[in-house]
Amino acid sequence: MADCTQYYRKVIDALAGRGIHEPSETFWAGVFVGICEQVMMKVKPAGMMGSEMPRCEEITKIVADVYGLHRVRYDRPGEEGFEVWVCRRDDPATIEELERLGRGGLSWGEYHRLRGQLCGYSDDVIRAYTEGTWP
């Protein structure tokens, strides 16, 4: 499948087949499609969507399956909610880092630094966030 629109069509058909059609659902599904495309094309090692997304588990599974991505769900440490992470199935180093993230035991700074690295953020952005100088 060289043409991105084939992926979009598969996602749209799969979402519609599951009754996912509300604007709040399809908006976030579209955001997650963009994340999955960046992961698939190796723009960033991994991507994440939080439980704030309506029907998060269902939608992320549908989209990750269309893109053929590895998908894991982790509870957020110390708070309610969860995150669904995706990465390429042929990227064992990122899968290992995701497992490290899911095991817990990281300090706040280590946890957010690892999340930023997995999402492909620059060292400057990660440092600004973890040092509290985020705009």
N, C-alpha and C. Protein backbone atom coordinates (compact mmCIF):
# COMPACT_ATOMS: atom_id res chain seq x y z
N MET A 1 0.83 -1.19 0.00
CA MET A 1 0.00 0.00 0.00
C MET A 1 0.87 1.24 0.00
N ALA A 2 1.13 1.78 -1.12
CA ALA A 2 1.97 2.97 -1.21
C ALA A 2 1.18 4.24 -0.95
N ASP A 3 -0.10 4.21 -1.20
CA ASP A 3 -0.92 5.41 -1.12
C ASP A 3 -1.58 5.51 0.26
N CYS A 4 -1.32 6.63 0.96
CA CYS A 4 -1.87 6.84 2.31
C CYS A 4 -3.39 6.74 2.33
N THR A 5 -4.04 7.14 1.25
CA THR A 5 -5.50 7.15 1.26
C THR A 5 -6.07 5.75 1.43
N GLN A 6 -5.32 4.72 1.07
CA GLN A 6 -5.79 3.36 1.30
C GLN A 6 -5.88 3.06 2.79
N TYR A 7 -4.91 3.58 3.55
CA TYR A 7 -4.96 3.43 5.01
C TYR A 7 -6.16 4.20 5.57
N TYR A 8 -6.34 5.43 5.10
CA TYR A 8 -7.45 6.25 5.59
C TYR A 8 -8.78 5.53 5.34
N ARG A 9 -8.94 4.99 4.14
CA ARG A 9 -10.18 4.30 3.78
C ARG A 9 -10.42 3.11 4.71
N LYS A 10 -9.37 2.35 4.98
CA LYS A 10 -9.51 1.20 5.87
C LYS A 10 -9.90 1.65 7.28
N VAL A 11 -9.28 2.72 7.76
CA VAL A 11 -9.62 3.24 9.09
C VAL A 11 -11.06 3.71 9.12
N ILE A 12 -11.46 4.49 8.14
CA ILE A 12 -12.83 5.02 8.10
C ILE A 12 -13.84 3.88 8.05
N ASP A 13 -13.59 2.89 7.21
CA ASP A 13 -14.51 1.75 7.11
C ASP A 13 -14.58 0.98 8.42
N ALA A 14 -13.43 0.77 9.06
CA ALA A 14 -13.40 0.03 10.33
C ALA A 14 -14.12 0.80 11.43
N LEU A 15 -13.91 2.12 11.49
CA LEU A 15 -14.59 2.94 12.50
C LEU A 15 -16.10 2.92 12.27
N ALA A 16 -16.51 3.12 11.03
CA ALA A 16 -17.94 3.13 10.71
C ALA A 16 -18.57 1.78 11.04
N GLY A 17 -17.84 0.71 10.77
CA GLY A 17 -18.33 -0.63 11.06
C GLY A 17 -18.55 -0.88 12.54
N ARG A 18 -17.87 -0.12 13.38
CA ARG A 18 -18.02 -0.24 14.84
C ARG A 18 -18.94 0.84 15.41
N GLY A 19 -19.58 1.61 14.54
CA GLY A 19 -20.51 2.64 15.01
C GLY A 19 -19.82 3.87 15.58
N ILE A 20 -18.59 4.09 15.17
CA ILE A 20 -17.84 5.26 15.65
C ILE A 20 -18.02 6.37 14.62
N HIS A 21 -18.85 7.36 14.99
CA HIS A 21 -19.18 8.40 14.02
C HIS A 21 -19.42 9.76 14.64
N GLU A 22 -19.41 9.85 15.96
CA GLU A 22 -19.61 11.14 16.62
C GLU A 22 -18.41 12.04 16.35
N PRO A 23 -18.62 13.35 16.17
CA PRO A 23 -17.48 14.24 15.90
C PRO A 23 -16.35 14.13 16.91
N SER A 24 -16.67 14.00 18.20
CA SER A 24 -15.60 13.91 19.20
C SER A 24 -14.81 12.62 19.03
N GLU A 25 -15.46 11.57 18.58
CA GLU A 25 -14.77 10.30 18.36
C GLU A 25 -13.92 10.35 17.09
N THR A 26 -14.51 10.84 16.02
CA THR A 26 -13.77 10.84 14.74
C THR A 26 -12.64 11.87 14.75
N PHE A 27 -12.82 12.98 15.48
CA PHE A 27 -11.72 13.95 15.59
C PHE A 27 -10.50 13.30 16.20
N TRP A 28 -10.68 12.65 17.36
CA TRP A 28 -9.55 12.04 18.05
C TRP A 28 -9.01 10.84 17.28
N ALA A 29 -9.87 10.13 16.59
CA ALA A 29 -9.39 9.04 15.74
C ALA A 29 -8.47 9.60 14.66
N GLY A 30 -8.83 10.76 14.10
CA GLY A 30 -7.98 11.41 13.09
C GLY A 30 -6.64 11.84 13.65
N VAL A 31 -6.66 12.36 14.87
CA VAL A 31 -5.40 12.73 15.53
C VAL A 31 -4.52 11.49 15.68
N PHE A 32 -5.13 10.39 16.12
CA PHE A 32 -4.36 9.16 16.32
C PHE A 32 -3.85 8.60 14.99
N VAL A 33 -4.61 8.76 13.92
CA VAL A 33 -4.14 8.35 12.59
C VAL A 33 -2.85 9.10 12.26
N GLY A 34 -2.82 10.41 12.52
CA GLY A 34 -1.61 11.19 12.26
C GLY A 34 -0.43 10.70 13.07
N ILE A 35 -0.67 10.36 14.33
CA ILE A 35 0.39 9.82 15.19
C ILE A 35 0.89 8.50 14.62
N CYS A 36 -0.03 7.62 14.24
CA CYS A 36 0.35 6.31 13.71
C CYS A 36 1.12 6.43 12.40
N GLU A 37 0.73 7.38 11.57
CA GLU A 37 1.47 7.59 10.32
C GLU A 37 2.90 8.01 10.60
N GLN A 38 3.09 8.91 11.56
CA GLN A 38 4.45 9.34 11.90
C GLN A 38 5.28 8.18 12.43
N VAL A 39 4.67 7.32 13.22
CA VAL A 39 5.38 6.15 13.75
C VAL A 39 5.70 5.19 12.61
N MET A 40 4.72 4.91 11.78
CA MET A 40 4.92 3.97 10.68
C MET A 40 6.04 4.43 9.74
N MET A 41 6.11 5.75 9.51
CA MET A 41 7.11 6.30 8.59
C MET A 41 8.42 6.64 9.29
N LYS A 42 8.56 6.24 10.55
CA LYS A 42 9.77 6.42 11.33
C LYS A 42 10.13 7.88 11.58
N VAL A 43 9.12 8.75 11.61
CA VAL A 43 9.33 10.15 11.98
C VAL A 43 9.61 10.23 13.48
N LYS A 44 8.97 9.36 14.23
CA LYS A 44 9.19 9.27 15.68
C LYS A 44 9.10 7.80 16.07
N PRO A 45 9.76 7.42 17.15
CA PRO A 45 9.77 6.00 17.51
C PRO A 45 8.44 5.46 18.01
N ALA A 46 7.67 6.28 18.70
CA ALA A 46 6.41 5.81 19.29
C ALA A 46 5.43 6.96 19.34
N GLY A 47 4.20 6.63 19.65
CA GLY A 47 3.16 7.64 19.81
C GLY A 47 2.19 7.19 20.88
N MET A 48 1.44 8.14 21.40
CA MET A 48 0.59 7.86 22.54
C MET A 48 -0.72 8.63 22.44
N MET A 49 -1.77 8.03 22.98
CA MET A 49 -3.05 8.70 23.14
C MET A 49 -3.54 8.37 24.54
N GLY A 50 -4.09 9.38 25.21
CA GLY A 50 -4.56 9.19 26.58
C GLY A 50 -6.03 8.84 26.66
N SER A 51 -6.43 8.39 27.83
CA SER A 51 -7.80 7.94 28.06
C SER A 51 -8.82 9.07 27.96
N GLU A 52 -8.37 10.31 27.82
CA GLU A 52 -9.31 11.42 27.61
C GLU A 52 -10.01 11.29 26.25
N MET A 53 -9.39 10.57 25.34
CA MET A 53 -9.97 10.35 24.01
C MET A 53 -11.21 9.46 24.16
N PRO A 54 -12.35 9.90 23.63
CA PRO A 54 -13.55 9.06 23.71
C PRO A 54 -13.29 7.69 23.05
N ARG A 55 -13.73 6.64 23.71
CA ARG A 55 -13.60 5.26 23.19
C ARG A 55 -12.14 4.95 22.84
N CYS A 56 -11.26 5.42 23.68
CA CYS A 56 -9.81 5.35 23.42
C CYS A 56 -9.33 3.94 23.10
N GLU A 57 -9.65 2.99 23.95
CA GLU A 57 -9.11 1.64 23.73
C GLU A 57 -9.60 1.05 22.42
N GLU A 58 -10.87 1.23 22.14
CA GLU A 58 -11.45 0.68 20.92
C GLU A 58 -10.88 1.35 19.67
N ILE A 59 -10.83 2.67 19.67
CA ILE A 59 -10.35 3.40 18.50
C ILE A 59 -8.86 3.16 18.27
N THR A 60 -8.06 3.20 19.33
CA THR A 60 -6.61 2.99 19.13
C THR A 60 -6.33 1.58 18.63
N LYS A 61 -7.11 0.60 19.06
CA LYS A 61 -6.92 -0.76 18.56
C LYS A 61 -7.22 -0.83 17.07
N ILE A 62 -8.33 -0.24 16.66
CA ILE A 62 -8.71 -0.25 15.24
C ILE A 62 -7.62 0.40 14.40
N VAL A 63 -7.20 1.59 14.79
CA VAL A 63 -6.22 2.34 13.99
C VAL A 63 -4.86 1.64 14.00
N ALA A 64 -4.40 1.20 15.17
CA ALA A 64 -3.10 0.51 15.24
C ALA A 64 -3.11 -0.76 14.41
N ASP A 65 -4.22 -1.48 14.40
CA ASP A 65 -4.31 -2.69 13.58
C ASP A 65 -4.21 -2.37 12.10
N VAL A 66 -4.88 -1.32 11.65
CA VAL A 66 -4.80 -0.93 10.24
C VAL A 66 -3.35 -0.62 9.85
N TYR A 67 -2.64 0.06 10.74
CA TYR A 67 -1.25 0.44 10.45
C TYR A 67 -0.24 -0.66 10.81
N GLY A 68 -0.71 -1.75 11.38
CA GLY A 68 0.17 -2.86 11.71
C GLY A 68 1.17 -2.55 12.81
N LEU A 69 0.75 -1.74 13.78
CA LEU A 69 1.65 -1.31 14.85
C LEU A 69 1.48 -2.13 16.12
N HIS A 70 2.55 -2.23 16.88
CA HIS A 70 2.54 -2.82 18.23
C HIS A 70 1.81 -1.84 19.14
N ARG A 71 0.90 -2.32 19.99
CA ARG A 71 0.08 -1.45 20.83
C ARG A 71 0.07 -1.98 22.25
N VAL A 72 0.29 -1.07 23.21
CA VAL A 72 0.23 -1.43 24.63
C VAL A 72 -0.55 -0.36 25.40
N ARG A 73 -1.13 -0.78 26.52
CA ARG A 73 -1.89 0.13 27.37
C ARG A 73 -1.27 0.12 28.76
N TYR A 74 -1.00 1.31 29.29
CA TYR A 74 -0.44 1.44 30.63
C TYR A 74 -1.26 2.41 31.46
N ASP A 75 -1.50 2.04 32.72
CA ASP A 75 -2.13 2.98 33.64
C ASP A 75 -1.13 4.10 33.92
N ARG A 76 -1.65 5.30 34.10
CA ARG A 76 -0.79 6.43 34.44
C ARG A 76 -0.38 6.30 35.90
N PRO A 77 0.91 6.44 36.18
CA PRO A 77 1.34 6.31 37.58
C PRO A 77 0.83 7.46 38.44
N GLY A 78 0.23 7.10 39.57
CA GLY A 78 -0.19 8.10 40.53
C GLY A 78 -1.43 8.89 40.18
N GLU A 79 -2.14 8.50 39.14
CA GLU A 79 -3.36 9.23 38.78
C GLU A 79 -4.32 8.31 38.04
N GLU A 80 -5.53 8.79 37.88
CA GLU A 80 -6.51 8.01 37.13
C GLU A 80 -6.20 8.13 35.65
N GLY A 81 -6.67 7.18 34.91
CA GLY A 81 -6.50 7.22 33.47
C GLY A 81 -5.38 6.31 33.00
N PHE A 82 -5.27 6.24 31.70
CA PHE A 82 -4.27 5.38 31.09
C PHE A 82 -3.78 6.00 29.79
N GLU A 83 -2.75 5.40 29.24
CA GLU A 83 -2.21 5.80 27.94
C GLU A 83 -2.10 4.56 27.07
N VAL A 84 -2.40 4.72 25.80
CA VAL A 84 -2.19 3.67 24.82
C VAL A 84 -1.02 4.11 23.96
N TRP A 85 0.00 3.27 23.89
CA TRP A 85 1.21 3.55 23.13
C TRP A 85 1.30 2.64 21.92
N VAL A 86 1.86 3.17 20.83
CA VAL A 86 2.11 2.37 19.63
C VAL A 86 3.55 2.58 19.18
N CYS A 87 4.10 1.55 18.56
CA CYS A 87 5.39 1.65 17.89
C CYS A 87 5.42 0.60 16.79
N ARG A 88 6.45 0.63 15.99
CA ARG A 88 6.58 -0.35 14.92
C ARG A 88 6.88 -1.73 15.52
N ARG A 89 6.30 -2.74 14.92
CA ARG A 89 6.55 -4.11 15.39
C ARG A 89 7.98 -4.56 15.12
N ASP A 90 8.63 -3.93 14.15
CA ASP A 90 10.01 -4.30 13.81
C ASP A 90 11.04 -3.42 14.51
N ASP A 91 10.66 -2.84 15.63
CA ASP A 91 11.55 -1.94 16.39
C ASP A 91 11.70 -2.45 17.82
N PRO A 92 12.54 -3.48 18.02
CA PRO A 92 12.66 -4.07 19.36
C PRO A 92 13.20 -3.10 20.41
N ALA A 93 14.03 -2.14 20.01
CA ALA A 93 14.57 -1.18 20.99
C ALA A 93 13.45 -0.31 21.56
N THR A 94 12.53 0.14 20.71
CA THR A 94 11.42 0.96 21.20
C THR A 94 10.44 0.11 22.01
N ILE A 95 10.19 -1.11 21.58
CA ILE A 95 9.33 -2.00 22.36
C ILE A 95 9.91 -2.18 23.76
N GLU A 96 11.22 -2.34 23.85
CA GLU A 96 11.89 -2.49 25.15
C GLU A 96 11.73 -1.22 26.00
N GLU A 97 11.87 -0.05 25.37
CA GLU A 97 11.70 1.20 26.11
C GLU A 97 10.25 1.37 26.58
N LEU A 98 9.30 0.95 25.76
CA LEU A 98 7.90 1.00 26.18
C LEU A 98 7.66 0.08 27.37
N GLU A 99 8.28 -1.09 27.35
CA GLU A 99 8.16 -2.00 28.50
C GLU A 99 8.75 -1.37 29.75
N ARG A 100 9.87 -0.68 29.59
CA ARG A 100 10.49 0.03 30.72
C ARG A 100 9.53 1.08 31.28
N LEU A 101 8.89 1.82 30.38
CA LEU A 101 7.91 2.83 30.79
C LEU A 101 6.77 2.18 31.58
N GLY A 102 6.30 1.05 31.09
CA GLY A 102 5.17 0.37 31.72
C GLY A 102 5.49 -0.31 33.05
N ARG A 103 6.75 -0.66 33.26
CA ARG A 103 7.14 -1.32 34.52
C ARG A 103 7.05 -0.38 35.70
N GLY A 104 7.19 0.91 35.45
CA GLY A 104 7.16 1.87 36.54
C GLY A 104 8.49 1.95 37.27
N GLY A 105 8.46 2.59 38.43
CA GLY A 105 9.67 2.74 39.23
C GLY A 105 10.57 3.88 38.80
N LEU A 106 10.13 4.66 37.82
CA LEU A 106 10.92 5.80 37.36
C LEU A 106 10.53 7.04 38.17
N SER A 107 11.48 7.94 38.36
CA SER A 107 11.15 9.22 38.98
C SER A 107 10.27 10.01 38.01
N TRP A 108 9.67 11.09 38.50
CA TRP A 108 8.83 11.93 37.64
C TRP A 108 9.64 12.40 36.43
N GLY A 109 10.85 12.89 36.67
CA GLY A 109 11.69 13.40 35.59
C GLY A 109 12.08 12.31 34.60
N GLU A 110 12.47 11.14 35.12
CA GLU A 110 12.84 10.02 34.23
C GLU A 110 11.65 9.58 33.39
N TYR A 111 10.49 9.50 34.03
CA TYR A 111 9.27 9.07 33.34
C TYR A 111 8.94 10.02 32.18
N HIS A 112 8.95 11.31 32.46
CA HIS A 112 8.58 12.28 31.42
C HIS A 112 9.68 12.44 30.38
N ARG A 113 10.92 12.27 30.77
CA ARG A 113 12.02 12.29 29.80
C ARG A 113 11.85 11.12 28.82
N LEU A 114 11.58 9.94 29.33
CA LEU A 114 11.39 8.76 28.48
C LEU A 114 10.18 8.93 27.57
N ARG A 115 9.09 9.44 28.11
CA ARG A 115 7.90 9.71 27.28
C ARG A 115 8.24 10.66 26.14
N GLY A 116 8.96 11.72 26.46
CA GLY A 116 9.35 12.69 25.43
C GLY A 116 10.24 12.07 24.37
N GLN A 117 11.20 11.26 24.79
CA GLN A 117 12.08 10.59 23.82
C GLN A 117 11.29 9.65 22.93
N LEU A 118 10.39 8.89 23.51
CA LEU A 118 9.57 7.97 22.72
C LEU A 118 8.72 8.70 21.70
N CYS A 119 8.25 9.90 22.07
CA CYS A 119 7.43 10.70 21.15
C CYS A 119 8.25 11.50 20.15
N GLY A 120 9.57 11.40 20.25
CA GLY A 120 10.43 12.07 19.28
C GLY A 120 10.67 13.54 19.55
N TYR A 121 10.44 14.00 20.78
CA TYR A 121 10.67 15.40 21.10
C TYR A 121 12.17 15.68 21.21
N SER A 122 12.54 16.91 20.95
CA SER A 122 13.94 17.31 21.04
C SER A 122 14.38 17.35 22.50
N ASP A 123 15.69 17.25 22.71
CA ASP A 123 16.23 17.34 24.07
C ASP A 123 15.87 18.66 24.73
N ASP A 124 15.85 19.75 23.95
CA ASP A 124 15.50 21.06 24.50
C ASP A 124 14.06 21.09 25.01
N VAL A 125 13.15 20.52 24.26
CA VAL A 125 11.75 20.49 24.68
C VAL A 125 11.59 19.61 25.92
N ILE A 126 12.24 18.45 25.92
CA ILE A 126 12.16 17.55 27.07
C ILE A 126 12.72 18.24 28.31
N ARG A 127 13.85 18.88 28.17
CA ARG A 127 14.48 19.57 29.30
C ARG A 127 13.57 20.69 29.82
N ALA A 128 13.00 21.47 28.92
CA ALA A 128 12.11 22.56 29.34
C ALA A 128 10.93 22.02 30.14
N TYR A 129 10.37 20.91 29.70
CA TYR A 129 9.23 20.33 30.41
C TYR A 129 9.64 19.76 31.77
N THR A 130 10.71 18.98 31.79
CA THR A 130 11.10 18.32 33.04
C THR A 130 11.71 19.28 34.04
N GLU A 131 12.22 20.42 33.58
CA GLU A 131 12.80 21.41 34.50
C GLU A 131 11.81 22.51 34.87
N GLY A 132 10.59 22.40 34.37
CA GLY A 132 9.55 23.35 34.74
C GLY A 132 9.61 24.69 34.04
N THR A 133 10.31 24.76 32.92
CA THR A 133 10.37 26.02 32.17
C THR A 133 9.51 25.96 30.92
N TRP A 134 8.59 25.01 30.91
CA TRP A 134 7.66 24.85 29.79
C TRP A 134 6.81 26.11 29.67
N PRO A 135 6.61 26.60 28.45
CA PRO A 135 5.83 27.85 28.30
C PRO A 135 4.41 27.76 28.82
